Amino acid sequence: MKVFKPYHGVVVPLVTALNQNLSIDLESHGRILERIIQSRAIPFVLGTTGEYASLSGFQKELLVKATVSLAGGRTLVFAGISGNCLEESVADAEKYAGFGVDVLVAHVPCYYPLDDKQTFQFFNTLADRCPKPLIIYNIPLTTHYSIPVEVIEKLSCHPNIAGIKDSEPDAARTENSLRLWKDRSDFSFFAGSSSLSVFSMKAGADGIVPGTGNLFPDWYVEMDEALQNGKIWLADELQHLTNQVTWLFQKEGNLNRSLPALKIMLSEMGLCQPWVMPPLCRMEAHTESKFRQEVMIRLKDIMDRKKALQE
């Protein structure tokens, strides 16, 4: 029987909605956040999908305050404190906890190359000083370092480390991790690779963190509930459909292309404007126009197939 832990379910890493002048678009932020909460998913602000590394300290504080205020206690709120300076991460942790954040998330510092001992010591120290539970974030795509499962296992014994968000798209690694932690009541595993959502949950993952959840948070919640209710066929169908949605923006390339593409799709759905923080930038006008036309035709087809599942 699945062990339900304090931290589980669908966690959506929010995009950061921006105005043309690159200020925070709080109206759009609220619109996206409300869809996530109404879908019974959990918001995660200041993650990779939220362009956290390009935001100022003031913008980060504004987003965290707004998220906690708009959530109004209806759901947990996760917030990222990743950075290259331990003291700044600790200071952010203290501020965000003061604003009302429930869970903190951090990946390794990614300027200097790290070894396993340094990684262990960093997270151990950060967890000691965090006023809220800490979730480790493994994302080699941006940090260029994969935290060994053995190091995470040692860190999992820290009383203030509540889990791991693993965004490494490695099915074997996921299986190895879940053999260690799926029955642990004090340590949660969140799959950060959306294409492995169903695979991970079948293997015992406690939750998923899909960037595509900004578009359709309810589809991932349905996927989770389908698995809990033994409707494996439905979960597999939803995985297939969400993979196709993800491909629409990820086919543009790495994060420097896929994040602007994701915001264009969100803008077509009336959820936010398509602006991104430098050094990222929007597509050229003619490319963006073509992308909008093509992607919405394909998205409509996917949405029609999703509707057919409910009939």
C-alpha atoms as a PDB file:
ATOM      1  CA  MET A   1       0.000   0.000   0.000  1.00  0.00           C
ATOM      2  CA  LYS A   2       1.281   3.456  -0.930  1.00  0.00           C
ATOM      3  CA  VAL A   3       2.571   5.545   1.975  1.00  0.00           C
ATOM      4  CA  PHE A   4       1.143   9.088   1.816  1.00  0.00           C
ATOM      5  CA  LYS A   5       3.726  11.473   3.177  1.00  0.00           C
ATOM      6  CA  PRO A   6       3.492  15.113   4.292  1.00  0.00           C
ATOM      7  CA  TYR A   7       4.753  16.227   0.872  1.00  0.00           C
ATOM      8  CA  HIS A   8       3.179  14.533  -2.148  1.00  0.00           C
ATOM      9  CA  GLY A   9       1.056  15.139  -5.221  1.00  0.00           C
ATOM     10  CA  VAL A  10       1.369  17.390  -8.248  1.00  0.00           C
ATOM     11  CA  VAL A  11       3.649  20.382  -7.743  1.00  0.00           C
ATOM     12  CA  VAL A  12       3.687  22.925 -10.582  1.00  0.00           C
ATOM     13  CA  PRO A  13       6.852  25.036 -11.075  1.00  0.00           C
ATOM     14  CA  LEU A  14       5.265  28.370 -11.947  1.00  0.00           C
ATOM     15  CA  VAL A  15       6.436  30.463 -14.857  1.00  0.00           C
ATOM     16  CA  THR A  16       7.178  34.052 -13.891  1.00  0.00           C
ATOM     17  CA  ALA A  17       4.614  36.280 -15.591  1.00  0.00           C
ATOM     18  CA  LEU A  18       6.168  39.528 -16.852  1.00  0.00           C
ATOM     19  CA  ASN A  19       5.073  42.835 -18.300  1.00  0.00           C
ATOM     20  CA  GLN A  20       6.791  44.289 -21.358  1.00  0.00           C
ATOM     21  CA  ASN A  21       8.985  46.451 -19.108  1.00  0.00           C
ATOM     22  CA  LEU A  22      10.067  43.231 -17.334  1.00  0.00           C
ATOM     23  CA  SER A  23       8.265  44.033 -14.110  1.00  0.00           C
ATOM     24  CA  ILE A  24       6.276  41.251 -12.465  1.00  0.00           C
ATOM     25  CA  ASP A  25       2.789  40.872 -13.941  1.00  0.00           C
ATOM     26  CA  LEU A  26       0.887  40.145 -10.744  1.00  0.00           C
ATOM     27  CA  GLU A  27      -2.478  39.929 -12.491  1.00  0.00           C
ATOM     28  CA  SER A  28      -1.287  37.127 -14.770  1.00  0.00           C
ATOM     29  CA  HIS A  29       0.580  35.495 -11.918  1.00  0.00           C
ATOM     30  CA  GLY A  30      -2.653  35.353  -9.964  1.00  0.00           C
ATOM     31  CA  ARG A  31      -4.516  33.901 -12.944  1.00  0.00           C
ATOM     32  CA  ILE A  32      -2.010  31.066 -13.410  1.00  0.00           C
ATOM     33  CA  LEU A  33      -1.793  30.429  -9.676  1.00  0.00           C
ATOM     34  CA  GLU A  34      -5.562  30.239  -9.260  1.00  0.00           C
ATOM     35  CA  ARG A  35      -5.848  27.598 -12.021  1.00  0.00           C
ATOM     36  CA  ILE A  36      -3.212  25.537 -10.256  1.00  0.00           C
ATOM     37  CA  ILE A  37      -4.912  25.786  -6.871  1.00  0.00           C
ATOM     38  CA  GLN A  38      -8.356  25.077  -8.327  1.00  0.00           C
ATOM     39  CA  SER A  39      -6.874  21.964  -9.931  1.00  0.00           C
ATOM     40  CA  ARG A  40      -5.701  20.828  -6.487  1.00  0.00           C
ATOM     41  CA  ALA A  41      -2.043  21.068  -7.472  1.00  0.00           C
ATOM     42  CA  ILE A  42       0.650  22.782  -5.387  1.00  0.00           C
ATOM     43  CA  PRO A  43       2.497  25.926  -6.559  1.00  0.00           C
ATOM     44  CA  PHE A  44       6.295  26.061  -6.632  1.00  0.00           C
ATOM     45  CA  VAL A  45       7.614  29.579  -7.163  1.00  0.00           C
ATOM     46  CA  LEU A  46      11.220  30.483  -8.141  1.00  0.00           C
ATOM     47  CA  GLY A  47      12.132  27.270  -9.896  1.00  0.00           C
ATOM     48  CA  THR A  48      13.907  26.768 -13.208  1.00  0.00           C
ATOM     49  CA  THR A  49      10.677  27.211 -15.182  1.00  0.00           C
ATOM     50  CA  GLY A  50      10.212  30.487 -13.292  1.00  0.00           C
ATOM     51  CA  GLU A  51      13.527  31.904 -14.591  1.00  0.00           C
ATOM     52  CA  TYR A  52      14.562  32.374 -10.955  1.00  0.00           C
ATOM     53  CA  ALA A  53      18.265  32.901 -11.785  1.00  0.00           C
ATOM     54  CA  SER A  54      17.408  35.988 -13.856  1.00  0.00           C
ATOM     55  CA  LEU A  55      15.210  37.703 -11.258  1.00  0.00           C
ATOM     56  CA  SER A  56      16.265  40.407  -8.828  1.00  0.00           C
ATOM     57  CA  GLY A  57      15.956  39.968  -5.085  1.00  0.00           C
ATOM     58  CA  PHE A  58      13.074  42.436  -5.067  1.00  0.00           C
ATOM     59  CA  GLN A  59      11.221  40.517  -7.789  1.00  0.00           C
ATOM     60  CA  LYS A  60      11.686  37.239  -5.947  1.00  0.00           C
ATOM     61  CA  GLU A  61      10.297  38.686  -2.724  1.00  0.00           C
ATOM     62  CA  LEU A  62       7.355  40.170  -4.603  1.00  0.00           C
ATOM     63  CA  LEU A  63       6.530  36.817  -6.194  1.00  0.00           C
ATOM     64  CA  VAL A  64       6.798  34.875  -2.944  1.00  0.00           C
ATOM     65  CA  LYS A  65       4.653  37.373  -1.029  1.00  0.00           C
ATOM     66  CA  ALA A  66       2.026  37.415  -3.775  1.00  0.00           C
ATOM     67  CA  THR A  67       1.932  33.624  -4.032  1.00  0.00           C
ATOM     68  CA  VAL A  68       1.454  33.117  -0.293  1.00  0.00           C
ATOM     69  CA  SER A  69      -1.141  35.892  -0.111  1.00  0.00           C
ATOM     70  CA  LEU A  70      -3.154  34.647  -3.103  1.00  0.00           C
ATOM     71  CA  ALA A  71      -2.949  31.037  -1.944  1.00  0.00           C
ATOM     72  CA  GLY A  72      -4.476  32.163   1.332  1.00  0.00           C
ATOM     73  CA  GLY A  73      -3.710  28.924   3.137  1.00  0.00           C
ATOM     74  CA  ARG A  74      -5.629  26.808   0.611  1.00  0.00           C
ATOM     75  CA  THR A  75      -2.512  24.891  -0.350  1.00  0.00           C
ATOM     76  CA  LEU A  76       1.132  24.454   0.519  1.00  0.00           C
ATOM     77  CA  VAL A  77       3.581  26.818  -1.163  1.00  0.00           C
ATOM     78  CA  PHE A  78       7.063  25.700  -2.275  1.00  0.00           C
ATOM     79  CA  ALA A  79       9.753  28.330  -2.951  1.00  0.00           C
ATOM     80  CA  GLY A  80      13.225  28.061  -4.444  1.00  0.00           C
ATOM     81  CA  ILE A  81      16.297  29.377  -2.637  1.00  0.00           C
ATOM     82  CA  SER A  82      18.945  28.119  -5.064  1.00  0.00           C
ATOM     83  CA  GLY A  83      22.059  30.225  -5.509  1.00  0.00           C
ATOM     84  CA  ASN A  84      25.833  30.237  -5.470  1.00  0.00           C
ATOM     85  CA  CYS A  85      26.107  31.912  -2.054  1.00  0.00           C
ATOM     86  CA  LEU A  86      25.163  29.916   1.045  1.00  0.00           C
ATOM     87  CA  GLU A  87      24.517  33.034   3.121  1.00  0.00           C
ATOM     88  CA  GLU A  88      22.152  34.473   0.511  1.00  0.00           C
ATOM     89  CA  SER A  89      20.253  31.181   0.295  1.00  0.00           C
ATOM     90  CA  VAL A  90      19.905  31.123   4.080  1.00  0.00           C
ATOM     91  CA  ALA A  91      18.762  34.753   4.104  1.00  0.00           C
ATOM     92  CA  ASP A  92      16.173  33.982   1.414  1.00  0.00           C
ATOM     93  CA  ALA A  93      15.019  30.936   3.357  1.00  0.00           C
ATOM     94  CA  GLU A  94      14.451  33.052   6.460  1.00  0.00           C
ATOM     95  CA  LYS A  95      12.605  35.773   4.523  1.00  0.00           C
ATOM     96  CA  TYR A  96      10.373  33.386   2.616  1.00  0.00           C
ATOM     97  CA  ALA A  97       9.558  31.417   5.756  1.00  0.00           C
ATOM     98  CA  GLY A  98       8.555  34.726   7.319  1.00  0.00           C
ATOM     99  CA  PHE A  99       6.242  35.393   4.376  1.00  0.00           C
ATOM    100  CA  GLY A 100       4.528  32.037   4.984  1.00  0.00           C
ATOM    101  CA  VAL A 101       6.214  29.584   2.589  1.00  0.00           C
ATOM    102  CA  ASP A 102       5.884  25.951   3.683  1.00  0.00           C
ATOM    103  CA  VAL A 103       8.740  24.190   1.876  1.00  0.00           C
ATOM    104  CA  LEU A 104      12.103  25.364   0.522  1.00  0.00           C
ATOM    105  CA  VAL A 105      13.853  23.932  -2.537  1.00  0.00           C
ATOM    106  CA  ALA A 106      17.514  24.219  -3.565  1.00  0.00           C
ATOM    107  CA  HIS A 107      19.928  22.736  -6.071  1.00  0.00           C
ATOM    108  CA  VAL A 108      23.715  22.704  -5.737  1.00  0.00           C
ATOM    109  CA  PRO A 109      25.690  25.902  -6.335  1.00  0.00           C
ATOM    110  CA  CYS A 110      26.744  25.740  -9.967  1.00  0.00           C
ATOM    111  CA  TYR A 111      29.776  27.996 -10.484  1.00  0.00           C
ATOM    112  CA  TYR A 112      32.568  25.847  -9.069  1.00  0.00           C
ATOM    113  CA  PRO A 113      32.848  22.144  -9.889  1.00  0.00           C
ATOM    114  CA  LEU A 114      31.801  20.130  -6.829  1.00  0.00           C
ATOM    115  CA  ASP A 115      32.663  16.716  -5.502  1.00  0.00           C
ATOM    116  CA  ASP A 116      30.418  14.472  -3.453  1.00  0.00           C
ATOM    117  CA  LYS A 117      31.855  15.565  -0.093  1.00  0.00           C
ATOM    118  CA  GLN A 118      31.329  19.248  -0.878  1.00  0.00           C
ATOM    119  CA  THR A 119      27.782  18.571  -2.037  1.00  0.00           C
ATOM    120  CA  PHE A 120      26.958  16.684   1.159  1.00  0.00           C
ATOM    121  CA  GLN A 121      28.424  19.404   3.349  1.00  0.00           C
ATOM    122  CA  PHE A 122      26.605  22.166   1.465  1.00  0.00           C
ATOM    123  CA  PHE A 123      23.146  20.627   1.802  1.00  0.00           C
ATOM    124  CA  ASN A 124      23.803  19.493   5.361  1.00  0.00           C
ATOM    125  CA  THR A 125      24.736  23.045   6.370  1.00  0.00           C
ATOM    126  CA  LEU A 126      21.866  24.618   4.433  1.00  0.00           C
ATOM    127  CA  ALA A 127      19.365  22.235   6.014  1.00  0.00           C
ATOM    128  CA  ASP A 128      20.746  23.020   9.478  1.00  0.00           C
ATOM    129  CA  ARG A 129      20.007  26.698   8.931  1.00  0.00           C
ATOM    130  CA  CYS A 130      16.701  26.527   7.032  1.00  0.00           C
ATOM    131  CA  PRO A 131      13.666  27.426   9.156  1.00  0.00           C
ATOM    132  CA  LYS A 132      11.432  25.232   6.980  1.00  0.00           C
ATOM    133  CA  PRO A 133      11.801  21.741   5.487  1.00  0.00           C
ATOM    134  CA  LEU A 134      14.255  21.584   2.591  1.00  0.00           C
ATOM    135  CA  ILE A 135      13.837  19.592  -0.610  1.00  0.00           C
ATOM    136  CA  ILE A 136      16.990  18.849  -2.587  1.00  0.00           C
ATOM    137  CA  TYR A 137      16.767  19.616  -6.300  1.00  0.00           C
ATOM    138  CA  ASN A 138      18.816  17.537  -8.747  1.00  0.00           C
ATOM    139  CA  ILE A 139      18.952  19.155 -12.203  1.00  0.00           C
ATOM    140  CA  PRO A 140      22.152  18.337 -14.119  1.00  0.00           C
ATOM    141  CA  LEU A 141      20.795  20.193 -17.171  1.00  0.00           C
ATOM    142  CA  THR A 142      21.623  23.509 -15.491  1.00  0.00           C
ATOM    143  CA  THR A 143      24.064  22.603 -12.697  1.00  0.00           C
ATOM    144  CA  HIS A 144      26.159  20.224 -14.832  1.00  0.00           C
ATOM    145  CA  TYR A 145      26.398  17.884 -11.859  1.00  0.00           C
ATOM    146  CA  SER A 146      24.305  14.860 -11.013  1.00  0.00           C
ATOM    147  CA  ILE A 147      23.985  14.337  -7.266  1.00  0.00           C
ATOM    148  CA  PRO A 148      24.796  10.667  -6.657  1.00  0.00           C
ATOM    149  CA  VAL A 149      21.951   8.657  -5.164  1.00  0.00           C
ATOM    150  CA  GLU A 150      24.348   7.565  -2.399  1.00  0.00           C
ATOM    151  CA  VAL A 151      24.883  11.201  -1.364  1.00  0.00           C
ATOM    152  CA  ILE A 152      21.143  11.864  -1.350  1.00  0.00           C
ATOM    153  CA  GLU A 153      20.647   8.736   0.768  1.00  0.00           C
ATOM    154  CA  LYS A 154      23.041  10.126   3.396  1.00  0.00           C
ATOM    155  CA  LEU A 155      21.333  13.522   3.297  1.00  0.00           C
ATOM    156  CA  SER A 156      17.912  11.899   3.633  1.00  0.00           C
ATOM    157  CA  CYS A 157      18.744  11.165   7.270  1.00  0.00           C
ATOM    158  CA  HIS A 158      18.902  14.877   8.079  1.00  0.00           C
ATOM    159  CA  PRO A 159      15.769  15.767  10.087  1.00  0.00           C
ATOM    160  CA  ASN A 160      15.146  18.919   8.055  1.00  0.00           C
ATOM    161  CA  ILE A 161      15.611  17.408   4.585  1.00  0.00           C
ATOM    162  CA  ALA A 162      12.159  16.336   3.477  1.00  0.00           C
ATOM    163  CA  GLY A 163      12.785  14.944   0.014  1.00  0.00           C
ATOM    164  CA  ILE A 164      14.307  15.128  -3.442  1.00  0.00           C
ATOM    165  CA  LYS A 165      13.040  16.667  -6.665  1.00  0.00           C
ATOM    166  CA  ASP A 166      14.958  14.742  -9.298  1.00  0.00           C
ATOM    167  CA  SER A 167      14.798  16.217 -12.791  1.00  0.00           C
ATOM    168  CA  GLU A 168      17.288  13.794 -14.302  1.00  0.00           C
ATOM    169  CA  PRO A 169      15.444  11.880 -17.072  1.00  0.00           C
ATOM    170  CA  ASP A 170      16.917   8.531 -16.111  1.00  0.00           C
ATOM    171  CA  ALA A 171      14.458   5.690 -15.534  1.00  0.00           C
ATOM    172  CA  ALA A 172      17.058   3.383 -13.964  1.00  0.00           C
ATOM    173  CA  ARG A 173      18.123   6.095 -11.511  1.00  0.00           C
ATOM    174  CA  THR A 174      14.472   6.676 -10.617  1.00  0.00           C
ATOM    175  CA  GLU A 175      13.920   2.982  -9.928  1.00  0.00           C
ATOM    176  CA  ASN A 176      17.068   2.777  -7.797  1.00  0.00           C
ATOM    177  CA  SER A 177      16.017   5.850  -5.829  1.00  0.00           C
ATOM    178  CA  LEU A 178      12.531   4.561  -5.161  1.00  0.00           C
ATOM    179  CA  ARG A 179      13.803   1.209  -3.935  1.00  0.00           C
ATOM    180  CA  LEU A 180      15.460   3.231  -1.183  1.00  0.00           C
ATOM    181  CA  TRP A 181      12.776   5.787  -0.386  1.00  0.00           C
ATOM    182  CA  LYS A 182       9.293   4.798  -1.501  1.00  0.00           C
ATOM    183  CA  ASP A 183       8.492   3.234   1.875  1.00  0.00           C
ATOM    184  CA  ARG A 184      10.152   5.966   3.919  1.00  0.00           C
ATOM    185  CA  SER A 185       7.508   8.030   5.711  1.00  0.00           C
ATOM    186  CA  ASP A 186       9.921  10.934   6.247  1.00  0.00           C
ATOM    187  CA  PHE A 187      11.451  11.402   2.785  1.00  0.00           C
ATOM    188  CA  SER A 188       9.579  12.184  -0.435  1.00  0.00           C
ATOM    189  CA  PHE A 189      10.601  11.582  -4.027  1.00  0.00           C
ATOM    190  CA  PHE A 190       9.306  13.998  -6.679  1.00  0.00           C
ATOM    191  CA  ALA A 191       9.914  13.262 -10.343  1.00  0.00           C
ATOM    192  CA  GLY A 192      10.932  16.438 -12.145  1.00  0.00           C
ATOM    193  CA  SER A 193      11.028  14.935 -15.637  1.00  0.00           C
ATOM    194  CA  SER A 194       7.444  15.235 -16.892  1.00  0.00           C
ATOM    195  CA  SER A 195       7.891  12.440 -19.442  1.00  0.00           C
ATOM    196  CA  LEU A 196       8.560  10.046 -16.546  1.00  0.00           C
ATOM    197  CA  SER A 197       5.524  11.099 -14.524  1.00  0.00           C
ATOM    198  CA  VAL A 198       3.500   7.891 -14.821  1.00  0.00           C
ATOM    199  CA  PHE A 199       6.579   5.670 -14.825  1.00  0.00           C
ATOM    200  CA  SER A 200       7.791   7.297 -11.596  1.00  0.00           C
ATOM    201  CA  MET A 201       4.428   7.139  -9.840  1.00  0.00           C
ATOM    202  CA  LYS A 202       3.989   3.487 -10.805  1.00  0.00           C
ATOM    203  CA  ALA A 203       7.406   2.853  -9.236  1.00  0.00           C
ATOM    204  CA  GLY A 204       6.327   4.576  -6.021  1.00  0.00           C
ATOM    205  CA  ALA A 205       7.114   8.271  -6.435  1.00  0.00           C
ATOM    206  CA  ASP A 206       5.296  10.573  -4.025  1.00  0.00           C
ATOM    207  CA  GLY A 207       4.770  13.326  -6.545  1.00  0.00           C
ATOM    208  CA  ILE A 208       5.645  14.955  -9.839  1.00  0.00           C
ATOM    209  CA  VAL A 209       6.823  18.448 -10.794  1.00  0.00           C
ATOM    210  CA  PRO A 210       5.821  19.025 -14.451  1.00  0.00           C
ATOM    211  CA  GLY A 211       6.540  22.377 -16.102  1.00  0.00           C
ATOM    212  CA  THR A 212       3.722  21.605 -18.534  1.00  0.00           C
ATOM    213  CA  GLY A 213       1.439  21.858 -15.500  1.00  0.00           C
ATOM    214  CA  ASN A 214       1.413  25.621 -16.113  1.00  0.00           C
ATOM    215  CA  LEU A 215      -0.746  24.858 -19.145  1.00  0.00           C
ATOM    216  CA  PHE A 216      -2.857  21.966 -17.839  1.00  0.00           C
ATOM    217  CA  PRO A 217      -2.413  21.369 -14.112  1.00  0.00           C
ATOM    218  CA  ASP A 218      -5.685  19.436 -13.967  1.00  0.00           C
ATOM    219  CA  TRP A 219      -4.426  16.838 -16.468  1.00  0.00           C
ATOM    220  CA  TYR A 220      -1.577  15.891 -14.140  1.00  0.00           C
ATOM    221  CA  VAL A 221      -3.857  15.771 -11.104  1.00  0.00           C
ATOM    222  CA  GLU A 222      -6.177  13.462 -13.081  1.00  0.00           C
ATOM    223  CA  MET A 223      -3.154  11.350 -13.985  1.00  0.00           C
ATOM    224  CA  ASP A 224      -2.188  11.012 -10.326  1.00  0.00           C
ATOM    225  CA  GLU A 225      -5.743  10.174  -9.271  1.00  0.00           C
ATOM    226  CA  ALA A 226      -6.149   7.653 -12.112  1.00  0.00           C
ATOM    227  CA  LEU A 227      -3.147   5.734 -10.799  1.00  0.00           C
ATOM    228  CA  GLN A 228      -4.451   5.853  -7.238  1.00  0.00           C
ATOM    229  CA  ASN A 229      -7.785   4.450  -8.452  1.00  0.00           C
ATOM    230  CA  GLY A 230      -6.232   1.688 -10.510  1.00  0.00           C
ATOM    231  CA  LYS A 231      -7.138   3.252 -13.879  1.00  0.00           C
ATOM    232  CA  ILE A 232      -3.739   2.550 -15.397  1.00  0.00           C
ATOM    233  CA  TRP A 233      -5.019   2.911 -18.970  1.00  0.00           C
ATOM    234  CA  LEU A 234      -6.252   6.446 -18.243  1.00  0.00           C
ATOM    235  CA  ALA A 235      -2.966   7.468 -16.626  1.00  0.00           C
ATOM    236  CA  ASP A 236      -1.083   6.123 -19.644  1.00  0.00           C
ATOM    237  CA  GLU A 237      -3.352   8.028 -22.037  1.00  0.00           C
ATOM    238  CA  LEU A 238      -2.840  11.251 -20.055  1.00  0.00           C
ATOM    239  CA  GLN A 239       0.921  10.699 -20.088  1.00  0.00           C
ATOM    240  CA  HIS A 240       0.770  10.330 -23.863  1.00  0.00           C
ATOM    241  CA  LEU A 241      -1.244  13.548 -24.271  1.00  0.00           C
ATOM    242  CA  THR A 242       0.877  15.601 -21.874  1.00  0.00           C
ATOM    243  CA  ASN A 243       4.038  14.370 -23.614  1.00  0.00           C
ATOM    244  CA  GLN A 244       2.647  15.770 -26.859  1.00  0.00           C
ATOM    245  CA  VAL A 245       1.888  19.119 -25.211  1.00  0.00           C
ATOM    246  CA  THR A 246       5.396  19.220 -23.748  1.00  0.00           C
ATOM    247  CA  TRP A 247       6.925  18.466 -27.128  1.00  0.00           C
ATOM    248  CA  LEU A 248       5.192  21.495 -28.636  1.00  0.00           C
ATOM    249  CA  PHE A 249       7.423  23.871 -26.705  1.00  0.00           C
ATOM    250  CA  GLN A 250      10.428  21.671 -25.936  1.00  0.00           C
ATOM    251  CA  LYS A 251      11.011  20.848 -29.597  1.00  0.00           C
ATOM    252  CA  GLU A 252      12.279  24.405 -29.918  1.00  0.00           C
ATOM    253  CA  GLY A 253      15.453  23.324 -28.135  1.00  0.00           C
ATOM    254  CA  ASN A 254      17.068  23.773 -24.733  1.00  0.00           C
ATOM    255  CA  LEU A 255      15.696  25.968 -21.943  1.00  0.00           C
ATOM    256  CA  ASN A 256      16.771  29.123 -23.767  1.00  0.00           C
ATOM    257  CA  ARG A 257      14.247  28.252 -26.494  1.00  0.00           C
ATOM    258  CA  SER A 258      11.658  26.159 -24.685  1.00  0.00           C
ATOM    259  CA  LEU A 259      10.831  28.652 -21.919  1.00  0.00           C
ATOM    260  CA  PRO A 260       9.998  31.486 -24.367  1.00  0.00           C
ATOM    261  CA  ALA A 261       7.950  28.971 -26.388  1.00  0.00           C
ATOM    262  CA  LEU A 262       6.054  27.897 -23.263  1.00  0.00           C
ATOM    263  CA  LYS A 263       5.176  31.519 -22.513  1.00  0.00           C
ATOM    264  CA  ILE A 264       3.888  32.002 -26.039  1.00  0.00           C
ATOM    265  CA  MET A 265       1.558  29.039 -25.544  1.00  0.00           C
ATOM    266  CA  LEU A 266       0.402  30.486 -22.219  1.00  0.00           C
ATOM    267  CA  SER A 267      -0.229  33.836 -23.894  1.00  0.00           C
ATOM    268  CA  GLU A 268      -2.329  32.123 -26.588  1.00  0.00           C
ATOM    269  CA  MET A 269      -4.416  30.652 -23.772  1.00  0.00           C
ATOM    270  CA  GLY A 270      -4.865  34.110 -22.260  1.00  0.00           C
ATOM    271  CA  LEU A 271      -2.861  33.299 -19.129  1.00  0.00           C
ATOM    272  CA  CYS A 272       0.145  35.615 -19.334  1.00  0.00           C
ATOM    273  CA  GLN A 273       2.201  37.784 -21.671  1.00  0.00           C
ATOM    274  CA  PRO A 274       5.075  36.223 -23.648  1.00  0.00           C
ATOM    275  CA  TRP A 275       7.918  38.305 -22.165  1.00  0.00           C
ATOM    276  CA  VAL A 276      10.984  36.584 -20.714  1.00  0.00           C
ATOM    277  CA  MET A 277      13.848  37.865 -18.588  1.00  0.00           C
ATOM    278  CA  PRO A 278      17.238  38.523 -20.197  1.00  0.00           C
ATOM    279  CA  PRO A 279      19.414  36.797 -21.198  1.00  0.00           C
ATOM    280  CA  LEU A 280      16.441  34.885 -22.656  1.00  0.00           C
ATOM    281  CA  CYS A 281      14.522  36.656 -25.396  1.00  0.00           C
ATOM    282  CA  ARG A 282      11.418  36.198 -27.508  1.00  0.00           C
ATOM    283  CA  MET A 283      11.454  34.629 -30.950  1.00  0.00           C
ATOM    284  CA  GLU A 284      11.795  36.812 -34.005  1.00  0.00           C
ATOM    285  CA  ALA A 285       8.379  38.204 -34.949  1.00  0.00           C
ATOM    286  CA  HIS A 286       7.892  36.076 -38.085  1.00  0.00           C
ATOM    287  CA  THR A 287       9.071  32.923 -36.284  1.00  0.00           C
ATOM    288  CA  GLU A 288       6.782  33.600 -33.350  1.00  0.00           C
ATOM    289  CA  SER A 289       3.795  34.194 -35.625  1.00  0.00           C
ATOM    290  CA  LYS A 290       4.391  30.897 -37.425  1.00  0.00           C
ATOM    291  CA  PHE A 291       4.899  29.079 -34.113  1.00  0.00           C
ATOM    292  CA  ARG A 292       1.643  30.473 -32.710  1.00  0.00           C
ATOM    293  CA  GLN A 293      -0.346  29.306 -35.738  1.00  0.00           C
ATOM    294  CA  GLU A 294       1.151  25.831 -35.860  1.00  0.00           C
ATOM    295  CA  VAL A 295       1.159  25.138 -32.141  1.00  0.00           C
ATOM    296  CA  MET A 296      -2.436  26.164 -31.568  1.00  0.00           C
ATOM    297  CA  ILE A 297      -3.676  23.874 -34.354  1.00  0.00           C
ATOM    298  CA  ARG A 298      -1.830  20.973 -32.766  1.00  0.00           C
ATOM    299  CA  LEU A 299      -2.872  21.961 -29.251  1.00  0.00           C
ATOM    300  CA  LYS A 300      -6.533  22.065 -30.268  1.00  0.00           C
ATOM    301  CA  ASP A 301      -6.233  18.513 -31.593  1.00  0.00           C
ATOM    302  CA  ILE A 302      -4.653  17.345 -28.319  1.00  0.00           C
ATOM    303  CA  MET A 303      -7.363  19.105 -26.285  1.00  0.00           C
ATOM    304  CA  ASP A 304     -10.065  17.468 -28.411  1.00  0.00           C
ATOM    305  CA  ARG A 305      -8.543  14.039 -27.729  1.00  0.00           C
ATOM    306  CA  LYS A 306      -8.412  14.848 -24.040  1.00  0.00           C
ATOM    307  CA  LYS A 307     -12.094  15.801 -24.116  1.00  0.00           C
ATOM    308  CA  ALA A 308     -12.901  12.484 -25.804  1.00  0.00           C
ATOM    309  CA  LEU A 309     -11.364  10.649 -22.838  1.00  0.00           C
ATOM    310  CA  GLN A 310     -14.022  12.145 -20.587  1.00  0.00           C
ATOM    311  CA  GLU A 311     -16.941  11.107 -22.810  1.00  0.00           C
END
